[in-house]
Amino acid sequence: MFISQPSYRFQIPQGLSEPGCMYWQALDLPIRLPWFIATFERPDGDSTHLQTLCLWWTIDLLSLLNQVPEAKLRSLQCVCPHRNVDLHWQMRDVAKVWQGIEPSSQQPELFFEDSEGAHFSAFHPDSADEFFTDHDLVIELPQPNRQTKKPRRSASPRQRKLTASTGEIT
C-alpha cells in the first residue's frame, strides 16, 4: 500500500497531463514489505506502448493481467527490505512467477524466482519454493542478455613494480 499526501502532489502544465490524472512526486510506504515495479507492453492501435506501475501486493499483478489479457508483462522487479540492514532496500529482478499452495491456509499464493534462480515471497525471502506446495509456473519473463565482464588484471605494471619494491609478492 502506498500513501499519498496533498503536499506530494505535482502540478503538470495543462496540455501535458492526461485528462483526469493526478501526479505525485512522492509516496509513503507505511509497512516494510516487498512491493513491485511492473512494466507492461500494451496494444495501442497499430502499435504498442509501455506502461510501468508500482504494485503493492502480489494479487495486484494477477488482477492487472486478468483485466487486460492482451497486455504482456515485460519486466518485474521486487523492491524488498534488506534483511541485514534496517533502513536499506534491495531490488530483485524477477525471472519467473510461480503459484503454490500455502500449507496452513491451503490458499494459492504467488512466489517468485529471481534472475539468479533464488525463490522468494513477501514472508519467505529465501526459501519460498520449499515452503509452498504444488508449484505451477504462471509467468516466465524475458531476461535481458547480460554480457559477462572481462576479468580485470590484478594490478597495473606500475602497481606490480611498487609492490615488488616493498618485497611483497603479488
N, C-alpha and C. Protein backbone atom coordinates (compact mmCIF):
# COMPACT_ATOMS: atom_id res chain seq x y z
N MET A 1 0.85 -1.16 0.00
CA MET A 1 0.00 0.00 0.00
C MET A 1 0.90 1.23 0.00
N PHE A 2 0.51 2.19 -0.77
CA PHE A 2 1.24 3.45 -0.86
C PHE A 2 0.32 4.54 -0.33
N ILE A 3 0.88 5.51 0.33
CA ILE A 3 0.10 6.62 0.85
C ILE A 3 0.56 7.90 0.17
N SER A 4 -0.38 8.67 -0.31
CA SER A 4 -0.03 9.97 -0.89
C SER A 4 -0.54 11.07 0.04
N GLN A 5 0.14 12.16 0.02
CA GLN A 5 -0.20 13.33 0.82
C GLN A 5 -0.48 14.49 -0.13
N PRO A 6 -1.39 15.38 0.24
CA PRO A 6 -1.63 16.53 -0.64
C PRO A 6 -0.36 17.33 -0.95
N SER A 7 0.56 17.37 0.02
CA SER A 7 1.79 18.14 -0.21
C SER A 7 2.71 17.48 -1.24
N TYR A 8 2.47 16.20 -1.57
CA TYR A 8 3.29 15.48 -2.56
C TYR A 8 2.78 15.67 -3.98
N ARG A 9 1.65 16.32 -4.13
CA ARG A 9 1.07 16.47 -5.46
C ARG A 9 1.97 17.33 -6.34
N PHE A 10 2.07 16.95 -7.58
CA PHE A 10 2.92 17.66 -8.54
C PHE A 10 2.03 18.21 -9.63
N GLN A 11 2.13 19.49 -9.87
CA GLN A 11 1.30 20.15 -10.87
C GLN A 11 1.96 20.05 -12.24
N ILE A 12 1.29 19.40 -13.14
CA ILE A 12 1.75 19.27 -14.53
C ILE A 12 1.05 20.36 -15.34
N PRO A 13 1.76 21.06 -16.18
CA PRO A 13 1.11 22.08 -17.00
C PRO A 13 -0.01 21.49 -17.85
N GLN A 14 -1.08 22.24 -17.96
CA GLN A 14 -2.22 21.81 -18.74
C GLN A 14 -1.78 21.52 -20.17
N GLY A 15 -2.30 20.47 -20.74
CA GLY A 15 -1.90 20.07 -22.08
C GLY A 15 -0.83 19.00 -22.08
N LEU A 16 -0.07 18.89 -20.99
CA LEU A 16 0.95 17.86 -20.89
C LEU A 16 0.46 16.66 -20.07
N SER A 17 -0.62 16.86 -19.33
CA SER A 17 -1.11 15.79 -18.47
C SER A 17 -2.28 15.06 -19.14
N GLU A 18 -2.48 13.83 -18.72
CA GLU A 18 -3.61 13.04 -19.19
C GLU A 18 -4.86 13.56 -18.50
N PRO A 19 -5.98 13.65 -19.19
CA PRO A 19 -7.22 14.13 -18.57
C PRO A 19 -7.61 13.25 -17.38
N GLY A 20 -7.92 13.89 -16.28
CA GLY A 20 -8.38 13.18 -15.09
C GLY A 20 -7.28 12.57 -14.24
N CYS A 21 -6.04 12.70 -14.63
CA CYS A 21 -4.94 12.10 -13.87
C CYS A 21 -4.36 13.10 -12.87
N MET A 22 -3.86 12.57 -11.76
CA MET A 22 -3.13 13.37 -10.78
C MET A 22 -1.70 12.82 -10.73
N TYR A 23 -0.76 13.69 -10.48
CA TYR A 23 0.65 13.34 -10.46
C TYR A 23 1.21 13.60 -9.08
N TRP A 24 2.12 12.71 -8.66
CA TRP A 24 2.69 12.77 -7.32
C TRP A 24 4.21 12.72 -7.42
N GLN A 25 4.87 13.52 -6.61
CA GLN A 25 6.34 13.49 -6.61
C GLN A 25 6.90 12.55 -5.55
N ALA A 26 6.03 12.05 -4.65
CA ALA A 26 6.48 11.12 -3.61
C ALA A 26 5.29 10.32 -3.10
N LEU A 27 5.60 9.17 -2.52
CA LEU A 27 4.62 8.32 -1.86
C LEU A 27 5.25 7.80 -0.59
N ASP A 28 4.43 7.56 0.42
CA ASP A 28 4.91 6.94 1.65
C ASP A 28 4.70 5.44 1.58
N LEU A 29 5.63 4.70 2.17
CA LEU A 29 5.49 3.25 2.32
C LEU A 29 5.30 2.99 3.82
N PRO A 30 4.06 2.74 4.26
CA PRO A 30 3.80 2.65 5.69
C PRO A 30 4.28 1.35 6.33
N ILE A 31 4.48 0.30 5.53
CA ILE A 31 4.89 -1.00 6.06
C ILE A 31 6.09 -1.48 5.25
N ARG A 32 7.08 -2.04 5.93
CA ARG A 32 8.28 -2.53 5.25
C ARG A 32 8.06 -3.95 4.74
N LEU A 33 7.30 -4.04 3.65
CA LEU A 33 7.09 -5.30 2.95
C LEU A 33 7.46 -5.10 1.49
N PRO A 34 7.76 -6.18 0.79
CA PRO A 34 8.11 -6.04 -0.63
C PRO A 34 6.99 -5.40 -1.44
N TRP A 35 7.38 -4.69 -2.48
CA TRP A 35 6.46 -4.15 -3.47
C TRP A 35 7.11 -4.29 -4.83
N PHE A 36 6.38 -4.01 -5.89
CA PHE A 36 6.83 -4.37 -7.23
C PHE A 36 6.80 -3.20 -8.19
N ILE A 37 7.70 -3.26 -9.15
CA ILE A 37 7.70 -2.36 -10.30
C ILE A 37 7.49 -3.26 -11.51
N ALA A 38 6.34 -3.10 -12.15
CA ALA A 38 5.97 -3.95 -13.29
C ALA A 38 5.87 -3.11 -14.55
N THR A 39 6.46 -3.58 -15.63
CA THR A 39 6.36 -2.90 -16.92
C THR A 39 5.61 -3.81 -17.88
N PHE A 40 4.51 -3.28 -18.39
CA PHE A 40 3.64 -3.99 -19.32
C PHE A 40 3.78 -3.38 -20.70
N GLU A 41 3.67 -4.22 -21.71
CA GLU A 41 3.55 -3.75 -23.09
C GLU A 41 2.07 -3.90 -23.44
N ARG A 42 1.44 -2.78 -23.80
CA ARG A 42 0.01 -2.78 -24.07
C ARG A 42 -0.26 -2.36 -25.51
N PRO A 43 -1.23 -3.01 -26.15
CA PRO A 43 -1.58 -2.61 -27.51
C PRO A 43 -2.18 -1.21 -27.53
N ASP A 44 -1.85 -0.48 -28.58
CA ASP A 44 -2.36 0.88 -28.74
C ASP A 44 -2.58 1.12 -30.24
N GLY A 45 -3.73 0.68 -30.73
CA GLY A 45 -3.99 0.81 -32.17
C GLY A 45 -3.08 -0.10 -32.94
N ASP A 46 -2.31 0.48 -33.86
CA ASP A 46 -1.39 -0.30 -34.69
C ASP A 46 -0.03 -0.53 -34.02
N SER A 47 0.16 0.04 -32.85
CA SER A 47 1.45 -0.11 -32.19
C SER A 47 1.22 -0.54 -30.73
N THR A 48 2.26 -0.46 -29.96
CA THR A 48 2.18 -0.78 -28.53
C THR A 48 2.86 0.33 -27.75
N HIS A 49 2.56 0.41 -26.47
CA HIS A 49 3.28 1.33 -25.59
C HIS A 49 3.57 0.62 -24.28
N LEU A 50 4.58 1.11 -23.58
CA LEU A 50 4.98 0.54 -22.30
C LEU A 50 4.31 1.33 -21.18
N GLN A 51 3.85 0.60 -20.19
CA GLN A 51 3.27 1.22 -19.00
C GLN A 51 3.95 0.60 -17.79
N THR A 52 4.51 1.43 -16.93
CA THR A 52 5.20 0.96 -15.74
C THR A 52 4.37 1.35 -14.52
N LEU A 53 4.13 0.36 -13.66
CA LEU A 53 3.29 0.56 -12.48
C LEU A 53 4.02 0.11 -11.23
N CYS A 54 3.74 0.77 -10.12
CA CYS A 54 4.17 0.32 -8.80
C CYS A 54 3.00 -0.47 -8.22
N LEU A 55 3.27 -1.69 -7.79
CA LEU A 55 2.23 -2.57 -7.25
C LEU A 55 2.56 -2.94 -5.82
N TRP A 56 1.53 -2.93 -5.00
CA TRP A 56 1.73 -3.20 -3.59
C TRP A 56 1.76 -4.67 -3.27
N TRP A 57 0.91 -5.47 -3.84
CA TRP A 57 0.78 -6.85 -3.40
C TRP A 57 0.75 -7.79 -4.59
N THR A 58 1.05 -9.04 -4.38
CA THR A 58 1.14 -10.00 -5.48
C THR A 58 -0.19 -10.16 -6.21
N ILE A 59 -1.29 -10.09 -5.51
CA ILE A 59 -2.59 -10.26 -6.16
C ILE A 59 -2.86 -9.13 -7.15
N ASP A 60 -2.26 -7.95 -6.91
CA ASP A 60 -2.42 -6.82 -7.83
C ASP A 60 -1.88 -7.18 -9.21
N LEU A 61 -0.81 -7.94 -9.24
CA LEU A 61 -0.20 -8.34 -10.50
C LEU A 61 -1.16 -9.21 -11.30
N LEU A 62 -1.72 -10.23 -10.67
CA LEU A 62 -2.66 -11.11 -11.37
C LEU A 62 -3.92 -10.37 -11.78
N SER A 63 -4.38 -9.47 -10.94
CA SER A 63 -5.58 -8.69 -11.24
C SER A 63 -5.36 -7.87 -12.51
N LEU A 64 -4.21 -7.22 -12.62
CA LEU A 64 -3.92 -6.41 -13.81
C LEU A 64 -3.82 -7.27 -15.06
N LEU A 65 -3.19 -8.42 -14.94
CA LEU A 65 -3.06 -9.31 -16.10
C LEU A 65 -4.42 -9.81 -16.56
N ASN A 66 -5.32 -10.04 -15.61
CA ASN A 66 -6.66 -10.51 -15.97
C ASN A 66 -7.53 -9.40 -16.54
N GLN A 67 -7.31 -8.15 -16.12
CA GLN A 67 -8.10 -7.02 -16.62
C GLN A 67 -7.79 -6.72 -18.08
N VAL A 68 -6.54 -6.83 -18.44
CA VAL A 68 -6.12 -6.53 -19.81
C VAL A 68 -5.34 -7.73 -20.33
N PRO A 69 -6.04 -8.78 -20.79
CA PRO A 69 -5.35 -10.01 -21.19
C PRO A 69 -4.37 -9.83 -22.35
N GLU A 70 -4.58 -8.82 -23.18
CA GLU A 70 -3.64 -8.61 -24.30
C GLU A 70 -2.36 -7.90 -23.86
N ALA A 71 -2.31 -7.40 -22.63
CA ALA A 71 -1.09 -6.78 -22.12
C ALA A 71 -0.06 -7.86 -21.81
N LYS A 72 1.20 -7.60 -22.12
CA LYS A 72 2.28 -8.55 -21.86
C LYS A 72 3.19 -7.98 -20.78
N LEU A 73 3.41 -8.75 -19.74
CA LEU A 73 4.34 -8.35 -18.69
C LEU A 73 5.75 -8.51 -19.25
N ARG A 74 6.50 -7.40 -19.34
CA ARG A 74 7.83 -7.42 -19.93
C ARG A 74 8.95 -7.38 -18.89
N SER A 75 8.65 -6.80 -17.72
CA SER A 75 9.68 -6.69 -16.69
C SER A 75 8.98 -6.63 -15.33
N LEU A 76 9.57 -7.32 -14.36
CA LEU A 76 9.05 -7.28 -13.00
C LEU A 76 10.22 -7.25 -12.05
N GLN A 77 10.21 -6.26 -11.19
CA GLN A 77 11.24 -6.14 -10.16
C GLN A 77 10.56 -6.05 -8.81
N CYS A 78 11.16 -6.69 -7.85
CA CYS A 78 10.65 -6.65 -6.49
C CYS A 78 11.59 -5.80 -5.65
N VAL A 79 11.02 -4.81 -4.98
CA VAL A 79 11.78 -3.96 -4.08
C VAL A 79 11.54 -4.51 -2.68
N CYS A 80 12.59 -5.06 -2.08
CA CYS A 80 12.46 -5.79 -0.81
C CYS A 80 13.24 -5.09 0.30
N PRO A 81 12.70 -5.11 1.52
CA PRO A 81 13.51 -4.62 2.64
C PRO A 81 14.76 -5.50 2.75
N HIS A 82 15.88 -4.88 2.93
CA HIS A 82 17.13 -5.63 3.08
C HIS A 82 17.10 -6.31 4.45
N ARG A 83 17.39 -7.59 4.46
CA ARG A 83 17.26 -8.35 5.71
C ARG A 83 18.32 -7.99 6.75
N ASN A 84 19.50 -7.62 6.32
CA ASN A 84 20.59 -7.41 7.27
C ASN A 84 20.85 -5.95 7.61
N VAL A 85 20.18 -5.05 6.93
CA VAL A 85 20.38 -3.62 7.17
C VAL A 85 19.01 -2.99 7.35
N ASP A 86 18.76 -2.38 8.49
CA ASP A 86 17.42 -1.90 8.84
C ASP A 86 16.79 -0.93 7.85
N LEU A 87 17.55 -0.01 7.31
CA LEU A 87 16.95 1.05 6.52
C LEU A 87 17.13 0.91 5.02
N HIS A 88 17.75 -0.14 4.56
CA HIS A 88 18.02 -0.28 3.14
C HIS A 88 17.01 -1.19 2.45
N TRP A 89 16.88 -0.96 1.16
CA TRP A 89 16.03 -1.79 0.30
C TRP A 89 16.92 -2.38 -0.78
N GLN A 90 16.53 -3.53 -1.29
CA GLN A 90 17.25 -4.13 -2.42
C GLN A 90 16.25 -4.44 -3.52
N MET A 91 16.72 -4.41 -4.75
CA MET A 91 15.86 -4.69 -5.89
C MET A 91 16.27 -6.04 -6.49
N ARG A 92 15.26 -6.89 -6.70
CA ARG A 92 15.49 -8.20 -7.30
C ARG A 92 14.75 -8.27 -8.63
N ASP A 93 15.47 -8.66 -9.68
CA ASP A 93 14.86 -8.86 -11.00
C ASP A 93 14.15 -10.21 -10.99
N VAL A 94 12.86 -10.20 -11.27
CA VAL A 94 12.07 -11.43 -11.27
C VAL A 94 12.16 -12.08 -12.65
N ALA A 95 12.51 -13.36 -12.66
CA ALA A 95 12.58 -14.13 -13.91
C ALA A 95 11.32 -14.97 -14.11
N LYS A 96 10.75 -15.47 -13.00
CA LYS A 96 9.57 -16.33 -13.08
C LYS A 96 8.62 -16.02 -11.93
N VAL A 97 7.33 -16.14 -12.23
CA VAL A 97 6.29 -16.01 -11.21
C VAL A 97 5.66 -17.40 -11.08
N TRP A 98 5.62 -17.89 -9.83
CA TRP A 98 5.07 -19.20 -9.53
C TRP A 98 3.84 -19.06 -8.65
N GLN A 99 2.99 -20.05 -8.70
CA GLN A 99 1.89 -20.13 -7.75
C GLN A 99 2.03 -21.44 -7.00
N GLY A 100 1.87 -21.36 -5.69
CA GLY A 100 1.94 -22.55 -4.86
C GLY A 100 0.83 -22.49 -3.82
N ILE A 101 0.68 -23.55 -3.08
CA ILE A 101 -0.33 -23.61 -2.02
C ILE A 101 0.36 -23.36 -0.69
N GLU A 102 -0.19 -22.40 0.07
CA GLU A 102 0.31 -22.10 1.41
C GLU A 102 -0.20 -23.22 2.33
N PRO A 103 0.70 -23.94 3.01
CA PRO A 103 0.30 -25.15 3.73
C PRO A 103 -0.75 -24.95 4.83
N SER A 104 -0.65 -23.91 5.62
CA SER A 104 -1.60 -23.79 6.74
C SER A 104 -2.99 -23.34 6.29
N SER A 105 -3.07 -22.42 5.33
CA SER A 105 -4.38 -21.93 4.89
C SER A 105 -4.93 -22.71 3.69
N GLN A 106 -4.05 -23.46 3.02
CA GLN A 106 -4.41 -24.18 1.79
C GLN A 106 -4.88 -23.23 0.68
N GLN A 107 -4.42 -21.97 0.73
CA GLN A 107 -4.78 -20.97 -0.26
C GLN A 107 -3.65 -20.81 -1.27
N PRO A 108 -3.99 -20.53 -2.53
CA PRO A 108 -2.94 -20.28 -3.52
C PRO A 108 -2.25 -18.94 -3.24
N GLU A 109 -0.96 -18.93 -3.38
CA GLU A 109 -0.14 -17.73 -3.19
C GLU A 109 0.89 -17.66 -4.30
N LEU A 110 1.28 -16.45 -4.66
CA LEU A 110 2.35 -16.29 -5.63
C LEU A 110 3.69 -16.23 -4.91
N PHE A 111 4.70 -16.80 -5.56
CA PHE A 111 6.08 -16.59 -5.13
C PHE A 111 6.91 -16.43 -6.39
N PHE A 112 8.16 -16.04 -6.22
CA PHE A 112 8.96 -15.56 -7.34
C PHE A 112 10.31 -16.24 -7.39
N GLU A 113 10.86 -16.25 -8.60
CA GLU A 113 12.23 -16.73 -8.81
C GLU A 113 13.00 -15.57 -9.42
N ASP A 114 14.10 -15.20 -8.79
CA ASP A 114 14.85 -14.07 -9.32
C ASP A 114 15.77 -14.52 -10.44
N SER A 115 16.46 -13.57 -11.03
CA SER A 115 17.30 -13.85 -12.21
C SER A 115 18.48 -14.75 -11.87
N GLU A 116 18.76 -14.97 -10.59
CA GLU A 116 19.85 -15.85 -10.18
C GLU A 116 19.34 -17.21 -9.72
N GLY A 117 18.02 -17.45 -9.84
CA GLY A 117 17.46 -18.75 -9.51
C GLY A 117 16.97 -18.90 -8.08
N ALA A 118 17.06 -17.84 -7.26
CA ALA A 118 16.59 -17.92 -5.87
C ALA A 118 15.08 -17.67 -5.82
N HIS A 119 14.38 -18.43 -4.98
CA HIS A 119 12.94 -18.31 -4.82
C HIS A 119 12.63 -17.49 -3.56
N PHE A 120 11.60 -16.62 -3.67
CA PHE A 120 11.25 -15.78 -2.52
C PHE A 120 9.80 -15.36 -2.60
N SER A 121 9.27 -14.95 -1.46
CA SER A 121 7.93 -14.35 -1.38
C SER A 121 7.98 -13.27 -0.33
N ALA A 122 6.87 -12.60 -0.11
CA ALA A 122 6.84 -11.49 0.85
C ALA A 122 7.29 -11.93 2.23
N PHE A 123 6.85 -13.11 2.67
CA PHE A 123 7.17 -13.56 4.03
C PHE A 123 8.21 -14.66 4.08
N HIS A 124 8.71 -15.06 2.92
CA HIS A 124 9.73 -16.10 2.83
C HIS A 124 10.81 -15.61 1.87
N PRO A 125 11.70 -14.75 2.35
CA PRO A 125 12.65 -14.10 1.44
C PRO A 125 13.73 -15.01 0.86
N ASP A 126 13.90 -16.21 1.40
CA ASP A 126 15.00 -17.04 0.93
C ASP A 126 14.60 -18.41 0.40
N SER A 127 13.52 -18.98 0.86
CA SER A 127 13.24 -20.38 0.51
C SER A 127 11.76 -20.62 0.22
N ALA A 128 11.15 -19.79 -0.57
CA ALA A 128 9.72 -19.92 -0.84
C ALA A 128 9.38 -21.23 -1.54
N ASP A 129 10.28 -21.72 -2.39
CA ASP A 129 9.98 -22.96 -3.11
C ASP A 129 9.89 -24.15 -2.16
N GLU A 130 10.55 -24.10 -1.01
CA GLU A 130 10.49 -25.17 -0.03
C GLU A 130 9.25 -25.03 0.86
N PHE A 131 8.73 -23.83 0.99
CA PHE A 131 7.58 -23.59 1.87
C PHE A 131 6.27 -23.94 1.19
N PHE A 132 6.07 -23.48 -0.05
CA PHE A 132 4.82 -23.70 -0.78
C PHE A 132 4.81 -25.08 -1.42
N THR A 133 3.62 -25.63 -1.58
CA THR A 133 3.46 -26.92 -2.23
C THR A 133 2.74 -26.73 -3.56
N ASP A 134 2.72 -27.76 -4.38
CA ASP A 134 2.01 -27.76 -5.66
C ASP A 134 2.36 -26.55 -6.53
N HIS A 135 3.60 -26.44 -6.92
CA HIS A 135 4.10 -25.31 -7.71
C HIS A 135 3.61 -25.36 -9.15
N ASP A 136 3.11 -24.23 -9.63
CA ASP A 136 2.77 -24.08 -11.04
C ASP A 136 3.41 -22.80 -11.55
N LEU A 137 4.05 -22.88 -12.71
CA LEU A 137 4.65 -21.70 -13.32
C LEU A 137 3.53 -20.85 -13.92
N VAL A 138 3.46 -19.58 -13.53
CA VAL A 138 2.44 -18.65 -14.01
C VAL A 138 2.97 -17.81 -15.16
N ILE A 139 4.15 -17.24 -14.98
CA ILE A 139 4.75 -16.35 -15.97
C ILE A 139 6.25 -16.58 -15.99
N GLU A 140 6.80 -16.65 -17.20
CA GLU A 140 8.25 -16.63 -17.36
C GLU A 140 8.58 -15.38 -18.15
N LEU A 141 9.36 -14.50 -17.56
CA LEU A 141 9.67 -13.21 -18.16
C LEU A 141 10.89 -13.28 -19.05
N PRO A 142 10.89 -12.49 -20.12
CA PRO A 142 12.10 -12.41 -20.94
C PRO A 142 13.23 -11.79 -20.13
N GLN A 143 14.39 -12.37 -20.22
CA GLN A 143 15.54 -11.86 -19.48
C GLN A 143 16.49 -11.14 -20.42
N PRO A 144 17.01 -10.01 -19.98
CA PRO A 144 17.97 -9.28 -20.83
C PRO A 144 19.24 -10.11 -20.99
N ASN A 145 19.88 -9.94 -22.13
CA ASN A 145 21.17 -10.59 -22.34
C ASN A 145 22.20 -9.86 -21.51
N ARG A 146 22.75 -10.57 -20.56
CA ARG A 146 23.77 -9.96 -19.70
C ARG A 146 25.14 -10.32 -20.25
N GLN A 147 25.93 -9.31 -20.51
CA GLN A 147 27.27 -9.55 -21.01
C GLN A 147 28.19 -9.87 -19.84
N THR A 148 29.03 -10.84 -20.04
CA THR A 148 29.97 -11.18 -18.99
C THR A 148 31.12 -10.18 -19.04
N LYS A 149 31.55 -9.79 -17.86
CA LYS A 149 32.66 -8.84 -17.78
C LYS A 149 33.98 -9.58 -17.98
N LYS A 150 34.88 -8.92 -18.67
CA LYS A 150 36.21 -9.49 -18.83
C LYS A 150 36.92 -9.37 -17.49
N PRO A 151 37.69 -10.40 -17.13
CA PRO A 151 38.41 -10.32 -15.87
C PRO A 151 39.43 -9.19 -15.92
N ARG A 152 39.51 -8.47 -14.82
CA ARG A 152 40.49 -7.38 -14.74
C ARG A 152 41.83 -7.94 -14.33
N ARG A 153 42.84 -7.29 -14.79
CA ARG A 153 44.18 -7.68 -14.35
C ARG A 153 44.29 -7.33 -12.88
N SER A 154 45.06 -8.10 -12.16
CA SER A 154 45.15 -7.90 -10.72
C SER A 154 45.83 -6.59 -10.35
N ALA A 155 46.76 -6.15 -11.14
CA ALA A 155 47.45 -4.89 -10.84
C ALA A 155 48.09 -4.36 -12.10
N SER A 156 48.24 -3.06 -12.15
CA SER A 156 48.90 -2.46 -13.30
C SER A 156 50.41 -2.71 -13.17
N PRO A 157 51.17 -2.58 -14.27
CA PRO A 157 52.63 -2.77 -14.19
C PRO A 157 53.25 -1.88 -13.12
N ARG A 158 52.76 -0.64 -13.01
CA ARG A 158 53.32 0.26 -12.01
C ARG A 158 53.02 -0.24 -10.60
N GLN A 159 51.78 -0.70 -10.38
CA GLN A 159 51.43 -1.24 -9.07
C GLN A 159 52.27 -2.47 -8.75
N ARG A 160 52.50 -3.33 -9.76
CA ARG A 160 53.32 -4.52 -9.52
C ARG A 160 54.76 -4.11 -9.17
N LYS A 161 55.26 -3.09 -9.83
CA LYS A 161 56.60 -2.61 -9.59
C LYS A 161 56.70 -2.05 -8.17
N LEU A 162 55.74 -1.23 -7.77
CA LEU A 162 55.76 -0.67 -6.40
C LEU A 162 55.68 -1.77 -5.37
N THR A 163 54.85 -2.75 -5.63
CA THR A 163 54.72 -3.87 -4.70
C THR A 163 56.02 -4.65 -4.63
N ALA A 164 56.63 -4.84 -5.77
CA ALA A 164 57.90 -5.59 -5.80
C ALA A 164 58.98 -4.85 -5.03
N SER A 165 58.94 -3.53 -5.06
CA SER A 165 59.98 -2.78 -4.35
C SER A 165 59.82 -2.87 -2.85
N THR A 166 58.64 -3.24 -2.36
CA THR A 166 58.44 -3.40 -0.92
C THR A 166 58.80 -4.81 -0.47
N GLY A 167 59.04 -5.68 -1.44
CA GLY A 167 59.40 -7.03 -1.09
C GLY A 167 58.19 -7.96 -1.00
N GLU A 168 56.98 -7.44 -1.20
CA GLU A 168 55.80 -8.31 -1.14
C GLU A 168 55.58 -8.97 -2.48
N ILE A 169 55.17 -10.20 -2.46
CA ILE A 169 54.90 -10.93 -3.69
C ILE A 169 53.44 -10.70 -4.07
N THR A 170 53.22 -10.35 -5.34
CA THR A 170 51.85 -10.15 -5.81
C THR A 170 51.45 -11.23 -6.78
